Amino acid sequence: MNLNCSLWQDNSISVKHFAFTKFSEVTEQCFLLFTLILLMFLASLTGNALIALAIWTNSVLHTPMYFFLANLSLLEIGYTCSVIPKMLQSLVSEARGISREGCATQMFFFTLLAISECCLLAAMAYDRYMAICSPLLYASRMSRGVCARLVMVSWGVGCMVALGQTNYIFSLDFCGPCEIDHFFCDLPPILALACGDTSHNEAAVFVVAVLCISSPFLLILASYSRILAAVLIMPSPEGRRKALSTCSSHLLVVTLFYGSGSVTYLRPKASHSPGTDKLLALFYTVVTSMLNPIIYSLRNKEVKAALQRILGRKNF
């Protein structure tokens, strides 16, 4: 594809096609990065698919905590698939172009899955809060219907935010340059290509990011504050150890996901640089998705046992 901007005329001139900037003029560097990302991508897909399969095929794991974990794994699969294939193509091919519609589609699905994951992680924290702080009410408060509704709400919020943000950004005119200095159609680098003064648009995107990242994170903090208070007054050391063990994996995943997301979307614009943004993008799109199955399988005996049965191995 020709990497020059395609323009159309309709009372204004707007970019019809975009192109991702080349990572490096050194072919060996591009191939090395392609190989590393491909291996992490395959590891992420395999790990998350195995986690979801292990949970769905094992009746022992048909509990709220594992129901949410299976949905998280499916979200991670979609999350990486919305970004990584095009990223890999751009690294080893001259066909680095993407249409305006294709870019909007990629942004929609990436935003949908990212916001849904933010909300799902909050639902998982609430589940742990109910299990540890209100065990007698747990079965009724976290019934199958309640869990399904929490997942649907997560997807619903993600869909509404994705529709709003994508429509808001692509209603703008893009006069060029058409090169996206990033690996995929993320909000900040696309907004940077818009014509005229976009300060109000940037402020609106920032406010939405604050609400969508901070609100679920505050719910997670509130849940774990109550959990910690409950754990500290437990009379049994074994009970404290078990309670903390069930929460540690989720806390680590939350730290990785919200930490990288906050640094990317909530830091001041003046501190942004293309190199740093690309590095962070690699981390929250590839590395965290690859690490999540490892974190949950290594720190959870039930998941580990289910994976052993699927893989037909005695040692995992």
C-alpha atoms as a PDB file:
ATOM      1  CA  MET A   1       0.000   0.000   0.000  1.00  0.00           C
ATOM      2  CA  ASN A   2       1.167   3.481  -0.815  1.00  0.00           C
ATOM      3  CA  LEU A   3       2.008   5.173   2.469  1.00  0.00           C
ATOM      4  CA  ASN A   4       1.102   8.635   1.170  1.00  0.00           C
ATOM      5  CA  CYS A   5      -2.022  10.190   2.675  1.00  0.00           C
ATOM      6  CA  SER A   6      -5.205   9.675   0.730  1.00  0.00           C
ATOM      7  CA  LEU A   7      -7.475  12.708   0.980  1.00  0.00           C
ATOM      8  CA  TRP A   8     -11.080  13.408   0.200  1.00  0.00           C
ATOM      9  CA  GLN A   9     -12.821  16.723  -0.353  1.00  0.00           C
ATOM     10  CA  ASP A  10     -16.129  17.561   1.371  1.00  0.00           C
ATOM     11  CA  ASN A  11     -15.974  21.229   2.420  1.00  0.00           C
ATOM     12  CA  SER A  12     -12.757  20.207   4.209  1.00  0.00           C
ATOM     13  CA  ILE A  13      -9.805  17.998   3.541  1.00  0.00           C
ATOM     14  CA  SER A  14      -9.415  14.919   5.683  1.00  0.00           C
ATOM     15  CA  VAL A  15      -7.088  11.950   5.772  1.00  0.00           C
ATOM     16  CA  LYS A  16      -8.683   8.823   4.373  1.00  0.00           C
ATOM     17  CA  HIS A  17      -5.814   6.433   5.094  1.00  0.00           C
ATOM     18  CA  PHE A  18      -3.203   6.326   7.841  1.00  0.00           C
ATOM     19  CA  ALA A  19       0.146   4.574   8.072  1.00  0.00           C
ATOM     20  CA  PHE A  20       2.107   3.388  11.105  1.00  0.00           C
ATOM     21  CA  THR A  21       5.648   4.703  11.364  1.00  0.00           C
ATOM     22  CA  LYS A  22       8.445   2.250  10.819  1.00  0.00           C
ATOM     23  CA  PHE A  23       9.994   0.990  14.041  1.00  0.00           C
ATOM     24  CA  SER A  24      13.548   1.057  12.690  1.00  0.00           C
ATOM     25  CA  GLU A  25      15.389   1.309   9.405  1.00  0.00           C
ATOM     26  CA  VAL A  26      17.533  -1.612  10.553  1.00  0.00           C
ATOM     27  CA  THR A  27      15.853  -4.790   9.307  1.00  0.00           C
ATOM     28  CA  GLU A  28      17.475  -6.966  11.951  1.00  0.00           C
ATOM     29  CA  GLN A  29      15.998  -4.876  14.773  1.00  0.00           C
ATOM     30  CA  CYS A  30      12.512  -5.106  13.285  1.00  0.00           C
ATOM     31  CA  PHE A  31      12.831  -8.864  12.852  1.00  0.00           C
ATOM     32  CA  LEU A  32      14.065  -9.295  16.424  1.00  0.00           C
ATOM     33  CA  LEU A  33      11.154  -7.307  17.812  1.00  0.00           C
ATOM     34  CA  PHE A  34       8.757  -9.216  15.538  1.00  0.00           C
ATOM     35  CA  THR A  35      10.065 -12.533  16.893  1.00  0.00           C
ATOM     36  CA  LEU A  36       9.825 -11.443  20.546  1.00  0.00           C
ATOM     37  CA  ILE A  37       6.284 -10.057  20.170  1.00  0.00           C
ATOM     38  CA  LEU A  38       5.135 -13.109  18.202  1.00  0.00           C
ATOM     39  CA  LEU A  39       6.427 -15.477  20.892  1.00  0.00           C
ATOM     40  CA  MET A  40       4.757 -13.460  23.656  1.00  0.00           C
ATOM     41  CA  PHE A  41       1.550 -13.242  21.619  1.00  0.00           C
ATOM     42  CA  LEU A  42       1.438 -17.017  21.118  1.00  0.00           C
ATOM     43  CA  ALA A  43       2.234 -17.591  24.792  1.00  0.00           C
ATOM     44  CA  SER A  44      -0.580 -15.205  25.782  1.00  0.00           C
ATOM     45  CA  LEU A  45      -3.113 -16.866  23.489  1.00  0.00           C
ATOM     46  CA  THR A  46      -2.144 -20.363  24.612  1.00  0.00           C
ATOM     47  CA  GLY A  47      -2.054 -19.523  28.320  1.00  0.00           C
ATOM     48  CA  ASN A  48      -5.363 -17.662  28.385  1.00  0.00           C
ATOM     49  CA  ALA A  49      -7.108 -20.264  26.221  1.00  0.00           C
ATOM     50  CA  LEU A  50      -5.899 -23.054  28.531  1.00  0.00           C
ATOM     51  CA  ILE A  51      -7.084 -21.163  31.626  1.00  0.00           C
ATOM     52  CA  ALA A  52     -10.562 -20.623  30.129  1.00  0.00           C
ATOM     53  CA  LEU A  53     -10.755 -24.235  28.902  1.00  0.00           C
ATOM     54  CA  ALA A  54      -9.615 -25.624  32.260  1.00  0.00           C
ATOM     55  CA  ILE A  55     -12.323 -23.675  34.082  1.00  0.00           C
ATOM     56  CA  TRP A  56     -15.183 -24.415  31.683  1.00  0.00           C
ATOM     57  CA  THR A  57     -14.431 -28.172  31.576  1.00  0.00           C
ATOM     58  CA  ASN A  58     -13.912 -28.675  35.324  1.00  0.00           C
ATOM     59  CA  SER A  59     -17.074 -28.597  37.436  1.00  0.00           C
ATOM     60  CA  VAL A  60     -15.014 -28.056  40.608  1.00  0.00           C
ATOM     61  CA  LEU A  61     -14.060 -24.630  39.230  1.00  0.00           C
ATOM     62  CA  HIS A  62     -17.631 -23.545  38.486  1.00  0.00           C
ATOM     63  CA  THR A  63     -17.574 -20.890  41.211  1.00  0.00           C
ATOM     64  CA  PRO A  64     -17.842 -17.088  40.962  1.00  0.00           C
ATOM     65  CA  MET A  65     -14.100 -16.517  41.345  1.00  0.00           C
ATOM     66  CA  TYR A  66     -13.229 -18.855  38.469  1.00  0.00           C
ATOM     67  CA  PHE A  67     -16.182 -17.672  36.369  1.00  0.00           C
ATOM     68  CA  PHE A  68     -14.696 -14.171  36.455  1.00  0.00           C
ATOM     69  CA  LEU A  69     -11.207 -15.559  35.778  1.00  0.00           C
ATOM     70  CA  ALA A  70     -12.431 -17.412  32.672  1.00  0.00           C
ATOM     71  CA  ASN A  71     -14.050 -14.210  31.400  1.00  0.00           C
ATOM     72  CA  LEU A  72     -10.834 -12.302  32.109  1.00  0.00           C
ATOM     73  CA  SER A  73      -8.903 -14.821  30.007  1.00  0.00           C
ATOM     74  CA  LEU A  74     -11.356 -14.411  27.117  1.00  0.00           C
ATOM     75  CA  LEU A  75     -11.031 -10.628  27.398  1.00  0.00           C
ATOM     76  CA  GLU A  76      -7.249 -10.923  27.269  1.00  0.00           C
ATOM     77  CA  ILE A  77      -7.461 -13.029  24.101  1.00  0.00           C
ATOM     78  CA  GLY A  78      -9.651 -10.441  22.386  1.00  0.00           C
ATOM     79  CA  TYR A  79      -7.556  -7.586  23.765  1.00  0.00           C
ATOM     80  CA  THR A  80      -4.319  -8.867  22.228  1.00  0.00           C
ATOM     81  CA  CYS A  81      -5.956 -10.017  18.973  1.00  0.00           C
ATOM     82  CA  SER A  82      -7.340  -6.511  18.384  1.00  0.00           C
ATOM     83  CA  VAL A  83      -3.831  -5.033  18.284  1.00  0.00           C
ATOM     84  CA  ILE A  84      -0.977  -7.516  17.868  1.00  0.00           C
ATOM     85  CA  PRO A  85      -1.613  -9.003  14.372  1.00  0.00           C
ATOM     86  CA  LYS A  86      -1.489  -5.582  12.701  1.00  0.00           C
ATOM     87  CA  MET A  87       1.501  -4.651  14.851  1.00  0.00           C
ATOM     88  CA  LEU A  88       3.372  -7.751  13.670  1.00  0.00           C
ATOM     89  CA  GLN A  89       2.524  -7.029  10.032  1.00  0.00           C
ATOM     90  CA  SER A  90       3.829  -3.468  10.326  1.00  0.00           C
ATOM     91  CA  LEU A  91       7.148  -4.684  11.718  1.00  0.00           C
ATOM     92  CA  VAL A  92       8.108  -6.920   8.779  1.00  0.00           C
ATOM     93  CA  SER A  93       6.117  -5.523   5.858  1.00  0.00           C
ATOM     94  CA  GLU A  94       5.974  -2.319   3.882  1.00  0.00           C
ATOM     95  CA  ALA A  95       2.184  -2.633   4.015  1.00  0.00           C
ATOM     96  CA  ARG A  96       1.931  -0.470   7.126  1.00  0.00           C
ATOM     97  CA  GLY A  97      -1.156   1.414   6.027  1.00  0.00           C
ATOM     98  CA  ILE A  98      -4.613   1.252   7.580  1.00  0.00           C
ATOM     99  CA  SER A  99      -7.844   2.833   6.384  1.00  0.00           C
ATOM    100  CA  ARG A 100      -9.697   5.406   8.456  1.00  0.00           C
ATOM    101  CA  GLU A 101     -12.493   2.860   8.988  1.00  0.00           C
ATOM    102  CA  GLY A 102     -10.021   0.121   9.912  1.00  0.00           C
ATOM    103  CA  CYS A 103      -8.318   2.424  12.398  1.00  0.00           C
ATOM    104  CA  ALA A 104     -11.665   3.348  13.966  1.00  0.00           C
ATOM    105  CA  THR A 105     -12.591  -0.347  14.212  1.00  0.00           C
ATOM    106  CA  GLN A 106      -9.315  -1.204  15.911  1.00  0.00           C
ATOM    107  CA  MET A 107      -9.712   1.682  18.355  1.00  0.00           C
ATOM    108  CA  PHE A 108     -13.285   0.636  19.161  1.00  0.00           C
ATOM    109  CA  PHE A 109     -12.429  -2.982  19.981  1.00  0.00           C
ATOM    110  CA  PHE A 110      -9.261  -2.097  21.891  1.00  0.00           C
ATOM    111  CA  THR A 111     -11.141   0.465  24.009  1.00  0.00           C
ATOM    112  CA  LEU A 112     -14.109  -1.870  24.497  1.00  0.00           C
ATOM    113  CA  LEU A 113     -11.936  -4.713  25.783  1.00  0.00           C
ATOM    114  CA  ALA A 114      -9.654  -2.490  27.889  1.00  0.00           C
ATOM    115  CA  ILE A 115     -12.541  -0.725  29.693  1.00  0.00           C
ATOM    116  CA  SER A 116     -14.399  -4.024  30.131  1.00  0.00           C
ATOM    117  CA  GLU A 117     -11.291  -5.455  31.787  1.00  0.00           C
ATOM    118  CA  CYS A 118     -11.088  -2.466  34.143  1.00  0.00           C
ATOM    119  CA  CYS A 119     -14.665  -3.144  35.257  1.00  0.00           C
ATOM    120  CA  LEU A 120     -14.211  -6.915  35.434  1.00  0.00           C
ATOM    121  CA  LEU A 121     -11.185  -6.557  37.720  1.00  0.00           C
ATOM    122  CA  ALA A 122     -13.364  -4.445  40.037  1.00  0.00           C
ATOM    123  CA  ALA A 123     -16.048  -7.171  39.983  1.00  0.00           C
ATOM    124  CA  MET A 124     -13.394  -9.756  40.884  1.00  0.00           C
ATOM    125  CA  ALA A 125     -12.293  -7.625  43.845  1.00  0.00           C
ATOM    126  CA  TYR A 126     -15.912  -7.363  45.020  1.00  0.00           C
ATOM    127  CA  ASP A 127     -16.215 -11.150  44.777  1.00  0.00           C
ATOM    128  CA  ARG A 128     -13.172 -11.608  47.040  1.00  0.00           C
ATOM    129  CA  TYR A 129     -14.596  -9.022  49.455  1.00  0.00           C
ATOM    130  CA  MET A 130     -17.879 -10.930  49.741  1.00  0.00           C
ATOM    131  CA  ALA A 131     -16.109 -14.285  50.115  1.00  0.00           C
ATOM    132  CA  ILE A 132     -13.832 -13.117  52.946  1.00  0.00           C
ATOM    133  CA  CYS A 133     -15.850 -10.431  54.710  1.00  0.00           C
ATOM    134  CA  SER A 134     -19.379 -11.871  54.363  1.00  0.00           C
ATOM    135  CA  PRO A 135     -18.993 -15.646  53.893  1.00  0.00           C
ATOM    136  CA  LEU A 136     -22.510 -16.414  55.185  1.00  0.00           C
ATOM    137  CA  LEU A 137     -24.081 -14.165  52.551  1.00  0.00           C
ATOM    138  CA  TYR A 138     -21.668 -15.127  49.773  1.00  0.00           C
ATOM    139  CA  ALA A 139     -23.821 -17.798  48.102  1.00  0.00           C
ATOM    140  CA  SER A 140     -26.841 -15.506  47.808  1.00  0.00           C
ATOM    141  CA  ARG A 141     -25.010 -12.275  47.021  1.00  0.00           C
ATOM    142  CA  MET A 142     -22.757 -13.875  44.386  1.00  0.00           C
ATOM    143  CA  SER A 143     -25.223 -16.197  42.683  1.00  0.00           C
ATOM    144  CA  ARG A 144     -24.784 -17.264  39.080  1.00  0.00           C
ATOM    145  CA  GLY A 145     -27.251 -14.599  37.950  1.00  0.00           C
ATOM    146  CA  VAL A 146     -25.452 -11.840  39.850  1.00  0.00           C
ATOM    147  CA  CYS A 147     -22.087 -12.887  38.385  1.00  0.00           C
ATOM    148  CA  ALA A 148     -23.522 -12.950  34.863  1.00  0.00           C
ATOM    149  CA  ARG A 149     -24.993  -9.470  35.341  1.00  0.00           C
ATOM    150  CA  LEU A 150     -21.674  -8.099  36.607  1.00  0.00           C
ATOM    151  CA  VAL A 151     -19.944  -9.449  33.502  1.00  0.00           C
ATOM    152  CA  MET A 152     -22.650  -7.990  31.244  1.00  0.00           C
ATOM    153  CA  VAL A 153     -22.355  -4.618  32.982  1.00  0.00           C
ATOM    154  CA  SER A 154     -18.576  -4.704  32.404  1.00  0.00           C
ATOM    155  CA  TRP A 155     -19.098  -5.344  28.695  1.00  0.00           C
ATOM    156  CA  GLY A 156     -21.881  -2.751  28.551  1.00  0.00           C
ATOM    157  CA  VAL A 157     -19.750  -0.006  30.098  1.00  0.00           C
ATOM    158  CA  GLY A 158     -16.871  -0.914  27.779  1.00  0.00           C
ATOM    159  CA  CYS A 159     -19.151  -0.783  24.739  1.00  0.00           C
ATOM    160  CA  MET A 160     -20.629   2.610  25.640  1.00  0.00           C
ATOM    161  CA  VAL A 161     -17.220   4.171  26.319  1.00  0.00           C
ATOM    162  CA  ALA A 162     -15.723   2.665  23.155  1.00  0.00           C
ATOM    163  CA  LEU A 163     -18.599   3.902  20.987  1.00  0.00           C
ATOM    164  CA  GLY A 164     -18.461   7.373  22.500  1.00  0.00           C
ATOM    165  CA  GLN A 165     -14.684   7.784  22.330  1.00  0.00           C
ATOM    166  CA  THR A 166     -14.305   6.356  18.836  1.00  0.00           C
ATOM    167  CA  ASN A 167     -17.148   8.421  17.418  1.00  0.00           C
ATOM    168  CA  TYR A 168     -15.865  11.537  19.201  1.00  0.00           C
ATOM    169  CA  ILE A 169     -12.349  11.228  17.809  1.00  0.00           C
ATOM    170  CA  PHE A 170     -13.220  10.153  14.265  1.00  0.00           C
ATOM    171  CA  SER A 171     -15.777  12.922  13.882  1.00  0.00           C
ATOM    172  CA  LEU A 172     -12.754  15.236  13.716  1.00  0.00           C
ATOM    173  CA  ASP A 173     -10.923  16.166  10.501  1.00  0.00           C
ATOM    174  CA  PHE A 174      -7.407  14.856   9.955  1.00  0.00           C
ATOM    175  CA  CYS A 175      -5.436  17.100   7.601  1.00  0.00           C
ATOM    176  CA  GLY A 176      -2.117  15.266   7.756  1.00  0.00           C
ATOM    177  CA  PRO A 177       0.512  14.152   8.349  1.00  0.00           C
ATOM    178  CA  CYS A 178      -1.058  10.715   8.100  1.00  0.00           C
ATOM    179  CA  GLU A 179       1.666   8.733   9.886  1.00  0.00           C
ATOM    180  CA  ILE A 180       0.686   7.348  13.287  1.00  0.00           C
ATOM    181  CA  ASP A 181       3.770   7.375  15.509  1.00  0.00           C
ATOM    182  CA  HIS A 182       2.650   4.254  17.335  1.00  0.00           C
ATOM    183  CA  PHE A 183       2.061   0.506  16.920  1.00  0.00           C
ATOM    184  CA  PHE A 184      -1.730   0.705  16.734  1.00  0.00           C
ATOM    185  CA  CYS A 185      -4.649   3.164  16.654  1.00  0.00           C
ATOM    186  CA  ASP A 186      -4.573   4.297  20.264  1.00  0.00           C
ATOM    187  CA  LEU A 187      -6.439   7.424  21.321  1.00  0.00           C
ATOM    188  CA  PRO A 188      -3.574   9.909  22.031  1.00  0.00           C
ATOM    189  CA  PRO A 189      -1.546   9.360  18.814  1.00  0.00           C
ATOM    190  CA  ILE A 190      -4.681   9.553  16.638  1.00  0.00           C
ATOM    191  CA  LEU A 191      -5.903  12.682  18.380  1.00  0.00           C
ATOM    192  CA  ALA A 192      -2.484  14.237  17.749  1.00  0.00           C
ATOM    193  CA  LEU A 193      -3.139  14.033  13.991  1.00  0.00           C
ATOM    194  CA  ALA A 194      -6.416  15.999  14.115  1.00  0.00           C
ATOM    195  CA  CYS A 195      -6.678  19.464  12.588  1.00  0.00           C
ATOM    196  CA  GLY A 196      -6.776  22.678  14.579  1.00  0.00           C
ATOM    197  CA  ASP A 197      -6.998  23.150  18.317  1.00  0.00           C
ATOM    198  CA  THR A 198      -7.793  19.825  20.005  1.00  0.00           C
ATOM    199  CA  SER A 199      -7.310  20.944  23.604  1.00  0.00           C
ATOM    200  CA  HIS A 200     -10.996  20.473  24.420  1.00  0.00           C
ATOM    201  CA  ASN A 201     -10.958  17.022  22.825  1.00  0.00           C
ATOM    202  CA  GLU A 202      -7.851  16.048  24.770  1.00  0.00           C
ATOM    203  CA  ALA A 203      -9.427  17.274  27.999  1.00  0.00           C
ATOM    204  CA  ALA A 204     -12.576  15.231  27.337  1.00  0.00           C
ATOM    205  CA  VAL A 205     -10.563  12.083  26.564  1.00  0.00           C
ATOM    206  CA  PHE A 206      -8.528  12.638  29.731  1.00  0.00           C
ATOM    207  CA  VAL A 207     -11.657  13.023  31.877  1.00  0.00           C
ATOM    208  CA  VAL A 208     -13.115   9.803  30.469  1.00  0.00           C
ATOM    209  CA  ALA A 209      -9.808   8.024  31.119  1.00  0.00           C
ATOM    210  CA  VAL A 210      -9.771   9.282  34.713  1.00  0.00           C
ATOM    211  CA  LEU A 211     -13.325   8.073  35.301  1.00  0.00           C
ATOM    212  CA  CYS A 212     -12.842   4.712  33.610  1.00  0.00           C
ATOM    213  CA  ILE A 213      -9.529   3.946  35.292  1.00  0.00           C
ATOM    214  CA  SER A 214      -9.924   5.647  38.664  1.00  0.00           C
ATOM    215  CA  SER A 215     -13.515   4.618  39.478  1.00  0.00           C
ATOM    216  CA  PRO A 216     -12.971   0.832  39.218  1.00  0.00           C
ATOM    217  CA  PHE A 217      -9.577   1.200  40.882  1.00  0.00           C
ATOM    218  CA  LEU A 218     -11.125   3.012  43.857  1.00  0.00           C
ATOM    219  CA  LEU A 219     -13.678   0.193  44.174  1.00  0.00           C
ATOM    220  CA  ILE A 220     -10.809  -2.292  44.174  1.00  0.00           C
ATOM    221  CA  LEU A 221      -8.971  -0.301  46.860  1.00  0.00           C
ATOM    222  CA  ALA A 222     -12.123  -0.123  48.990  1.00  0.00           C
ATOM    223  CA  SER A 223     -12.685  -3.874  48.658  1.00  0.00           C
ATOM    224  CA  TYR A 224      -9.145  -4.766  49.591  1.00  0.00           C
ATOM    225  CA  SER A 225      -9.086  -2.302  52.477  1.00  0.00           C
ATOM    226  CA  ARG A 226     -12.062  -4.140  53.977  1.00  0.00           C
ATOM    227  CA  ILE A 227     -10.441  -7.490  53.175  1.00  0.00           C
ATOM    228  CA  LEU A 228      -7.203  -6.490  54.904  1.00  0.00           C
ATOM    229  CA  ALA A 229      -9.098  -5.300  57.970  1.00  0.00           C
ATOM    230  CA  ALA A 230     -10.983  -8.609  58.111  1.00  0.00           C
ATOM    231  CA  VAL A 231      -7.827 -10.687  57.625  1.00  0.00           C
ATOM    232  CA  LEU A 232      -5.962  -8.899  60.418  1.00  0.00           C
ATOM    233  CA  ILE A 233      -8.567  -9.890  63.002  1.00  0.00           C
ATOM    234  CA  MET A 234      -8.767 -13.533  61.920  1.00  0.00           C
ATOM    235  CA  PRO A 235      -7.762 -15.741  64.868  1.00  0.00           C
ATOM    236  CA  SER A 236      -6.270 -18.502  62.722  1.00  0.00           C
ATOM    237  CA  PRO A 237      -2.876 -18.002  61.014  1.00  0.00           C
ATOM    238  CA  GLU A 238      -3.917 -20.632  58.470  1.00  0.00           C
ATOM    239  CA  GLY A 239      -7.087 -18.661  57.715  1.00  0.00           C
ATOM    240  CA  ARG A 240      -5.078 -15.475  57.223  1.00  0.00           C
ATOM    241  CA  ARG A 241      -2.633 -17.251  54.938  1.00  0.00           C
ATOM    242  CA  LYS A 242      -5.397 -18.786  52.809  1.00  0.00           C
ATOM    243  CA  ALA A 243      -7.287 -15.492  52.526  1.00  0.00           C
ATOM    244  CA  LEU A 244      -4.187 -13.582  51.462  1.00  0.00           C
ATOM    245  CA  SER A 245      -3.214 -16.334  49.041  1.00  0.00           C
ATOM    246  CA  THR A 246      -6.534 -16.143  47.186  1.00  0.00           C
ATOM    247  CA  CYS A 247      -6.157 -12.373  46.804  1.00  0.00           C
ATOM    248  CA  SER A 248      -2.463 -12.070  45.960  1.00  0.00           C
ATOM    249  CA  SER A 249      -2.786 -13.207  42.317  1.00  0.00           C
ATOM    250  CA  HIS A 250      -5.583 -10.743  41.645  1.00  0.00           C
ATOM    251  CA  LEU A 251      -3.703  -7.912  43.342  1.00  0.00           C
ATOM    252  CA  LEU A 252      -0.630  -8.574  41.197  1.00  0.00           C
ATOM    253  CA  VAL A 253      -2.708  -8.559  37.996  1.00  0.00           C
ATOM    254  CA  VAL A 254      -4.454  -5.335  39.090  1.00  0.00           C
ATOM    255  CA  THR A 255      -1.088  -3.694  39.795  1.00  0.00           C
ATOM    256  CA  LEU A 256       0.285  -4.609  36.356  1.00  0.00           C
ATOM    257  CA  PHE A 257      -2.832  -3.590  34.443  1.00  0.00           C
ATOM    258  CA  TYR A 258      -3.755  -0.384  36.268  1.00  0.00           C
ATOM    259  CA  GLY A 259      -0.131   0.633  36.751  1.00  0.00           C
ATOM    260  CA  SER A 260       0.694   0.544  33.041  1.00  0.00           C
ATOM    261  CA  GLY A 261      -2.701   2.042  32.101  1.00  0.00           C
ATOM    262  CA  SER A 262      -2.350   4.934  34.552  1.00  0.00           C
ATOM    263  CA  VAL A 263       1.173   5.780  33.407  1.00  0.00           C
ATOM    264  CA  THR A 264       0.007   5.729  29.784  1.00  0.00           C
ATOM    265  CA  TYR A 265      -3.242   7.686  29.953  1.00  0.00           C
ATOM    266  CA  LEU A 266      -3.120   9.769  33.141  1.00  0.00           C
ATOM    267  CA  ARG A 267       0.318  11.337  33.018  1.00  0.00           C
ATOM    268  CA  PRO A 268       0.693  14.940  31.750  1.00  0.00           C
ATOM    269  CA  LYS A 269       0.860  15.452  28.007  1.00  0.00           C
ATOM    270  CA  ALA A 270       4.227  17.199  28.286  1.00  0.00           C
ATOM    271  CA  SER A 271       5.815  13.994  29.607  1.00  0.00           C
ATOM    272  CA  HIS A 272       4.660  11.917  26.618  1.00  0.00           C
ATOM    273  CA  SER A 273       7.206  10.778  24.062  1.00  0.00           C
ATOM    274  CA  PRO A 274       6.700   8.347  21.153  1.00  0.00           C
ATOM    275  CA  GLY A 275       9.442   6.006  22.393  1.00  0.00           C
ATOM    276  CA  THR A 276       8.062   5.768  25.930  1.00  0.00           C
ATOM    277  CA  ASP A 277       4.480   5.416  24.706  1.00  0.00           C
ATOM    278  CA  LYS A 278       5.447   2.545  22.407  1.00  0.00           C
ATOM    279  CA  LEU A 279       7.310   0.766  25.191  1.00  0.00           C
ATOM    280  CA  LEU A 280       4.338   1.121  27.535  1.00  0.00           C
ATOM    281  CA  ALA A 281       2.005  -0.063  24.761  1.00  0.00           C
ATOM    282  CA  LEU A 282       4.063  -3.225  24.354  1.00  0.00           C
ATOM    283  CA  PHE A 283       3.848  -3.807  28.086  1.00  0.00           C
ATOM    284  CA  TYR A 284       0.096  -3.415  28.568  1.00  0.00           C
ATOM    285  CA  THR A 285      -0.914  -5.127  25.317  1.00  0.00           C
ATOM    286  CA  VAL A 286       1.526  -8.050  25.239  1.00  0.00           C
ATOM    287  CA  VAL A 287       3.451  -8.541  28.466  1.00  0.00           C
ATOM    288  CA  THR A 288       0.578  -8.259  30.964  1.00  0.00           C
ATOM    289  CA  SER A 289      -1.637 -10.553  28.873  1.00  0.00           C
ATOM    290  CA  MET A 290       1.156 -13.125  28.787  1.00  0.00           C
ATOM    291  CA  LEU A 291       1.860 -12.865  32.525  1.00  0.00           C
ATOM    292  CA  ASN A 292      -1.746 -13.190  33.746  1.00  0.00           C
ATOM    293  CA  PRO A 293      -2.102 -16.945  33.020  1.00  0.00           C
ATOM    294  CA  ILE A 294       1.312 -17.568  34.582  1.00  0.00           C
ATOM    295  CA  ILE A 295       0.391 -15.624  37.721  1.00  0.00           C
ATOM    296  CA  TYR A 296      -2.920 -17.429  38.204  1.00  0.00           C
ATOM    297  CA  SER A 297      -1.656 -20.909  37.355  1.00  0.00           C
ATOM    298  CA  LEU A 298       1.456 -20.733  39.526  1.00  0.00           C
ATOM    299  CA  ARG A 299      -0.347 -19.349  42.593  1.00  0.00           C
ATOM    300  CA  ASN A 300      -3.566 -21.358  42.417  1.00  0.00           C
ATOM    301  CA  LYS A 301      -3.612 -25.087  43.160  1.00  0.00           C
ATOM    302  CA  GLU A 302      -7.070 -25.672  41.675  1.00  0.00           C
ATOM    303  CA  VAL A 303      -6.176 -24.039  38.353  1.00  0.00           C
ATOM    304  CA  LYS A 304      -2.856 -25.837  38.303  1.00  0.00           C
ATOM    305  CA  ALA A 305      -4.569 -29.206  38.860  1.00  0.00           C
ATOM    306  CA  ALA A 306      -7.110 -28.501  36.099  1.00  0.00           C
ATOM    307  CA  LEU A 307      -4.327 -27.565  33.686  1.00  0.00           C
ATOM    308  CA  GLN A 308      -2.485 -30.767  34.560  1.00  0.00           C
ATOM    309  CA  ARG A 309      -5.538 -32.792  33.591  1.00  0.00           C
ATOM    310  CA  ILE A 310      -5.899 -30.953  30.278  1.00  0.00           C
ATOM    311  CA  LEU A 311      -2.237 -31.313  29.406  1.00  0.00           C
ATOM    312  CA  GLY A 312      -2.120 -34.896  30.646  1.00  0.00           C
ATOM    313  CA  ARG A 313       0.974 -34.295  32.716  1.00  0.00           C
ATOM    314  CA  LYS A 314       1.858 -35.229  36.259  1.00  0.00           C
ATOM    315  CA  ASN A 315       4.106 -32.240  36.779  1.00  0.00           C
ATOM    316  CA  PHE A 316       3.174 -28.717  35.854  1.00  0.00           C
END
